[in-house]
Amino acid sequence: MAKLLHSEDVIFEPILTEASWAKMEERKYSFRVALNANKVQIKKAVEDLFKVKVEKVWTANMKGKPRRERLNQLHGRTSRWHKAIVRLAPGDRINVMGG
């Protein structure tokens, strides 16, 4: 059984890129979510936090990118993370700017 997560623990932040802004016209919103969150938990969290109806949820595991520190050439990676894209019901919107 999946670990019980609160809505605030599932959704971390919206992803605001040029591509995600274009998808908002299609009622699709992107979020950075907890690594262990599943689609059901993500749907419930978005509906609870933003008071909207979610039609569909897509998820993706994002790999960490290789990084290196400039002066001493230490190699490493950024953290892996989980992305969710949700499509809202017609007429629903989320104000991602918080204003």
N, C-alpha and C. Protein backbone atom coordinates (compact mmCIF):
# COMPACT_ATOMS: atom_id res chain seq x y z
N MET A 1 0.83 -1.18 0.00
CA MET A 1 0.00 0.00 0.00
C MET A 1 0.87 1.24 0.00
N ALA A 2 0.47 2.26 -0.76
CA ALA A 2 1.25 3.48 -0.88
C ALA A 2 1.20 4.28 0.42
N LYS A 3 2.27 4.97 0.71
CA LYS A 3 2.36 5.79 1.91
C LYS A 3 1.39 6.96 1.80
N LEU A 4 0.70 7.27 2.88
CA LEU A 4 -0.27 8.37 2.89
C LEU A 4 0.47 9.70 2.90
N LEU A 5 0.23 10.53 1.90
CA LEU A 5 0.85 11.84 1.80
C LEU A 5 -0.22 12.92 1.84
N HIS A 6 0.08 14.04 2.49
CA HIS A 6 -0.83 15.18 2.47
C HIS A 6 -0.65 15.92 1.15
N SER A 7 -1.67 16.68 0.74
CA SER A 7 -1.62 17.40 -0.53
C SER A 7 -0.41 18.30 -0.64
N GLU A 8 -0.05 18.96 0.47
CA GLU A 8 1.11 19.87 0.46
C GLU A 8 2.42 19.12 0.29
N ASP A 9 2.43 17.82 0.65
CA ASP A 9 3.65 17.01 0.52
C ASP A 9 3.79 16.40 -0.87
N VAL A 10 2.72 16.42 -1.66
CA VAL A 10 2.75 15.81 -3.00
C VAL A 10 3.20 16.83 -4.04
N ILE A 11 2.58 18.01 -4.05
CA ILE A 11 2.88 19.06 -5.04
C ILE A 11 3.92 20.00 -4.46
N PHE A 12 5.07 20.14 -5.12
CA PHE A 12 6.11 21.04 -4.64
C PHE A 12 5.98 22.43 -5.25
N GLU A 13 5.93 22.51 -6.59
CA GLU A 13 5.88 23.81 -7.25
C GLU A 13 5.43 23.63 -8.70
N PRO A 14 4.84 24.68 -9.28
CA PRO A 14 4.51 24.59 -10.71
C PRO A 14 5.79 24.73 -11.54
N ILE A 15 5.78 24.14 -12.72
CA ILE A 15 6.91 24.27 -13.65
C ILE A 15 6.52 25.36 -14.64
N LEU A 16 7.27 26.45 -14.64
CA LEU A 16 6.93 27.60 -15.48
C LEU A 16 8.01 27.79 -16.53
N THR A 17 7.82 27.13 -17.67
CA THR A 17 8.72 27.28 -18.81
C THR A 17 7.89 27.77 -19.99
N GLU A 18 8.56 28.09 -21.06
CA GLU A 18 7.84 28.54 -22.25
C GLU A 18 6.90 27.45 -22.77
N ALA A 19 7.36 26.21 -22.75
CA ALA A 19 6.53 25.10 -23.21
C ALA A 19 5.33 24.89 -22.28
N SER A 20 5.54 25.01 -20.97
CA SER A 20 4.43 24.80 -20.05
C SER A 20 3.40 25.93 -20.15
N TRP A 21 3.84 27.14 -20.42
CA TRP A 21 2.89 28.25 -20.62
C TRP A 21 2.02 27.98 -21.84
N ALA A 22 2.61 27.43 -22.91
CA ALA A 22 1.84 27.13 -24.11
C ALA A 22 0.81 26.04 -23.83
N LYS A 23 1.15 25.05 -23.00
CA LYS A 23 0.21 23.97 -22.68
C LYS A 23 -0.94 24.45 -21.81
N MET A 24 -0.75 25.54 -21.09
CA MET A 24 -1.83 26.05 -20.23
C MET A 24 -3.06 26.46 -21.04
N GLU A 25 -2.86 26.82 -22.29
CA GLU A 25 -4.00 27.16 -23.15
C GLU A 25 -4.85 25.92 -23.43
N GLU A 26 -4.25 24.73 -23.33
CA GLU A 26 -4.96 23.46 -23.52
C GLU A 26 -5.42 22.89 -22.18
N ARG A 27 -5.40 23.70 -21.12
CA ARG A 27 -5.80 23.31 -19.76
C ARG A 27 -4.85 22.28 -19.16
N LYS A 28 -3.58 22.26 -19.59
CA LYS A 28 -2.58 21.33 -19.05
C LYS A 28 -1.58 22.12 -18.22
N TYR A 29 -1.38 21.67 -16.97
CA TYR A 29 -0.48 22.34 -16.04
C TYR A 29 0.58 21.36 -15.57
N SER A 30 1.82 21.84 -15.44
CA SER A 30 2.96 20.99 -15.06
C SER A 30 3.38 21.32 -13.62
N PHE A 31 3.72 20.28 -12.87
CA PHE A 31 4.14 20.45 -11.49
C PHE A 31 5.32 19.54 -11.19
N ARG A 32 6.17 20.01 -10.28
CA ARG A 32 7.22 19.17 -9.70
C ARG A 32 6.57 18.50 -8.50
N VAL A 33 6.63 17.17 -8.44
CA VAL A 33 5.92 16.43 -7.40
C VAL A 33 6.88 15.50 -6.66
N ALA A 34 6.39 14.93 -5.56
CA ALA A 34 7.20 14.00 -4.75
C ALA A 34 7.56 12.77 -5.57
N LEU A 35 8.75 12.24 -5.33
CA LEU A 35 9.23 11.07 -6.08
C LEU A 35 8.34 9.85 -5.88
N ASN A 36 7.76 9.69 -4.70
CA ASN A 36 6.96 8.50 -4.42
C ASN A 36 5.47 8.72 -4.63
N ALA A 37 5.06 9.85 -5.22
CA ALA A 37 3.64 10.12 -5.45
C ALA A 37 3.15 9.41 -6.70
N ASN A 38 1.95 8.81 -6.61
CA ASN A 38 1.38 8.16 -7.79
C ASN A 38 0.30 9.07 -8.40
N LYS A 39 -0.28 8.64 -9.51
CA LYS A 39 -1.24 9.47 -10.25
C LYS A 39 -2.48 9.79 -9.42
N VAL A 40 -2.95 8.83 -8.65
CA VAL A 40 -4.14 9.04 -7.83
C VAL A 40 -3.87 10.11 -6.77
N GLN A 41 -2.70 10.03 -6.12
CA GLN A 41 -2.34 11.01 -5.11
C GLN A 41 -2.16 12.40 -5.72
N ILE A 42 -1.56 12.47 -6.91
CA ILE A 42 -1.35 13.75 -7.58
C ILE A 42 -2.69 14.38 -7.95
N LYS A 43 -3.61 13.58 -8.50
CA LYS A 43 -4.93 14.08 -8.86
C LYS A 43 -5.66 14.64 -7.64
N LYS A 44 -5.65 13.89 -6.55
CA LYS A 44 -6.33 14.33 -5.32
C LYS A 44 -5.69 15.60 -4.77
N ALA A 45 -4.36 15.70 -4.80
CA ALA A 45 -3.66 16.86 -4.27
C ALA A 45 -3.98 18.12 -5.07
N VAL A 46 -3.99 18.02 -6.41
CA VAL A 46 -4.31 19.19 -7.25
C VAL A 46 -5.75 19.62 -7.02
N GLU A 47 -6.66 18.65 -6.93
CA GLU A 47 -8.07 18.99 -6.70
C GLU A 47 -8.26 19.64 -5.33
N ASP A 48 -7.56 19.16 -4.30
CA ASP A 48 -7.67 19.73 -2.96
C ASP A 48 -7.07 21.13 -2.87
N LEU A 49 -5.85 21.29 -3.43
CA LEU A 49 -5.14 22.56 -3.28
C LEU A 49 -5.72 23.68 -4.13
N PHE A 50 -6.19 23.37 -5.33
CA PHE A 50 -6.61 24.41 -6.26
C PHE A 50 -8.11 24.44 -6.51
N LYS A 51 -8.87 23.53 -5.89
CA LYS A 51 -10.34 23.48 -6.01
C LYS A 51 -10.77 23.42 -7.48
N VAL A 52 -10.19 22.48 -8.23
CA VAL A 52 -10.51 22.25 -9.64
C VAL A 52 -10.80 20.77 -9.85
N LYS A 53 -11.27 20.41 -11.02
CA LYS A 53 -11.54 19.02 -11.39
C LYS A 53 -10.47 18.58 -12.39
N VAL A 54 -9.75 17.49 -12.06
CA VAL A 54 -8.69 16.97 -12.92
C VAL A 54 -9.26 15.86 -13.79
N GLU A 55 -9.03 15.94 -15.11
CA GLU A 55 -9.48 14.90 -16.05
C GLU A 55 -8.45 13.79 -16.20
N LYS A 56 -7.17 14.16 -16.32
CA LYS A 56 -6.13 13.17 -16.64
C LYS A 56 -4.80 13.62 -16.04
N VAL A 57 -3.97 12.64 -15.70
CA VAL A 57 -2.65 12.90 -15.13
C VAL A 57 -1.60 12.11 -15.90
N TRP A 58 -0.54 12.77 -16.30
CA TRP A 58 0.63 12.12 -16.90
C TRP A 58 1.80 12.35 -15.95
N THR A 59 2.67 11.34 -15.80
CA THR A 59 3.84 11.51 -14.94
C THR A 59 5.10 11.11 -15.70
N ALA A 60 6.23 11.65 -15.24
CA ALA A 60 7.52 11.32 -15.84
C ALA A 60 8.60 11.41 -14.77
N ASN A 61 9.51 10.45 -14.79
CA ASN A 61 10.68 10.51 -13.92
C ASN A 61 11.79 11.22 -14.69
N MET A 62 12.28 12.33 -14.12
CA MET A 62 13.30 13.12 -14.77
C MET A 62 14.67 12.75 -14.18
N LYS A 63 15.61 12.39 -15.05
CA LYS A 63 16.94 12.02 -14.60
C LYS A 63 17.73 13.27 -14.23
N GLY A 64 18.65 13.11 -13.27
CA GLY A 64 19.54 14.21 -12.93
C GLY A 64 20.54 14.45 -14.05
N LYS A 65 20.91 15.71 -14.24
CA LYS A 65 21.87 16.05 -15.30
C LYS A 65 23.29 16.05 -14.74
N PRO A 66 24.26 15.68 -15.57
CA PRO A 66 25.64 15.74 -15.09
C PRO A 66 26.08 17.19 -14.90
N ARG A 67 26.79 17.44 -13.82
CA ARG A 67 27.31 18.77 -13.52
C ARG A 67 28.77 18.66 -13.13
N ARG A 68 29.48 19.78 -13.24
CA ARG A 68 30.85 19.78 -12.77
C ARG A 68 31.17 21.16 -12.24
N GLU A 69 31.92 21.19 -11.16
CA GLU A 69 32.32 22.45 -10.57
C GLU A 69 33.51 22.98 -11.37
N ARG A 70 33.46 24.24 -11.71
CA ARG A 70 34.39 24.80 -12.67
C ARG A 70 35.86 24.73 -12.25
N LEU A 71 36.21 25.18 -11.06
CA LEU A 71 37.62 25.34 -10.73
C LEU A 71 38.34 24.02 -10.46
N ASN A 72 37.73 23.15 -9.66
CA ASN A 72 38.47 21.94 -9.33
C ASN A 72 37.93 20.70 -10.05
N GLN A 73 37.05 20.90 -11.01
CA GLN A 73 36.59 19.82 -11.89
C GLN A 73 35.97 18.64 -11.14
N LEU A 74 35.26 18.93 -10.04
CA LEU A 74 34.54 17.87 -9.35
C LEU A 74 33.32 17.49 -10.17
N HIS A 75 33.11 16.20 -10.35
CA HIS A 75 31.98 15.74 -11.15
C HIS A 75 30.86 15.30 -10.23
N GLY A 76 29.63 15.47 -10.71
CA GLY A 76 28.48 15.03 -9.94
C GLY A 76 27.23 15.13 -10.81
N ARG A 77 26.09 15.00 -10.17
CA ARG A 77 24.82 15.06 -10.88
C ARG A 77 23.84 15.88 -10.07
N THR A 78 22.88 16.49 -10.76
CA THR A 78 21.76 17.12 -10.06
C THR A 78 20.81 16.00 -9.63
N SER A 79 19.91 16.32 -8.73
CA SER A 79 18.99 15.31 -8.20
C SER A 79 17.98 14.90 -9.26
N ARG A 80 17.55 13.63 -9.18
CA ARG A 80 16.45 13.20 -10.04
C ARG A 80 15.17 13.73 -9.44
N TRP A 81 14.13 13.88 -10.26
CA TRP A 81 12.86 14.42 -9.77
C TRP A 81 11.71 13.87 -10.57
N HIS A 82 10.50 14.11 -10.10
CA HIS A 82 9.27 13.56 -10.68
C HIS A 82 8.42 14.72 -11.19
N LYS A 83 7.96 14.61 -12.43
CA LYS A 83 7.13 15.66 -13.04
C LYS A 83 5.74 15.11 -13.31
N ALA A 84 4.73 15.95 -13.09
CA ALA A 84 3.35 15.57 -13.39
C ALA A 84 2.72 16.65 -14.25
N ILE A 85 1.98 16.22 -15.26
CA ILE A 85 1.18 17.14 -16.09
C ILE A 85 -0.27 16.73 -15.88
N VAL A 86 -1.10 17.71 -15.52
CA VAL A 86 -2.51 17.42 -15.28
C VAL A 86 -3.36 18.21 -16.27
N ARG A 87 -4.42 17.57 -16.78
CA ARG A 87 -5.38 18.28 -17.65
C ARG A 87 -6.64 18.50 -16.82
N LEU A 88 -7.08 19.76 -16.81
CA LEU A 88 -8.25 20.13 -16.03
C LEU A 88 -9.53 20.00 -16.85
N ALA A 89 -10.65 19.93 -16.15
CA ALA A 89 -11.95 19.88 -16.81
C ALA A 89 -12.20 21.23 -17.50
N PRO A 90 -13.03 21.25 -18.56
CA PRO A 90 -13.33 22.51 -19.24
C PRO A 90 -13.89 23.54 -18.26
N GLY A 91 -13.40 24.76 -18.37
CA GLY A 91 -13.86 25.85 -17.50
C GLY A 91 -13.00 26.06 -16.26
N ASP A 92 -12.18 25.08 -15.88
CA ASP A 92 -11.32 25.22 -14.70
C ASP A 92 -9.99 25.83 -15.10
N ARG A 93 -9.43 26.68 -14.20
CA ARG A 93 -8.12 27.29 -14.42
C ARG A 93 -7.38 27.33 -13.09
N ILE A 94 -6.06 27.38 -13.17
CA ILE A 94 -5.22 27.56 -11.99
C ILE A 94 -4.40 28.82 -12.22
N ASN A 95 -4.41 29.72 -11.24
CA ASN A 95 -3.59 30.92 -11.31
C ASN A 95 -2.21 30.57 -10.74
N VAL A 96 -1.25 30.24 -11.61
CA VAL A 96 0.05 29.76 -11.17
C VAL A 96 0.94 30.88 -10.62
N MET A 97 0.59 32.13 -10.92
CA MET A 97 1.39 33.25 -10.42
C MET A 97 1.03 33.62 -8.98
N GLY A 98 -0.07 33.05 -8.47
CA GLY A 98 -0.43 33.25 -7.08
C GLY A 98 -1.05 34.60 -6.78
N GLY A 99 -1.45 35.34 -7.79
CA GLY A 99 -1.98 36.69 -7.54
C GLY A 99 -3.40 36.81 -7.70
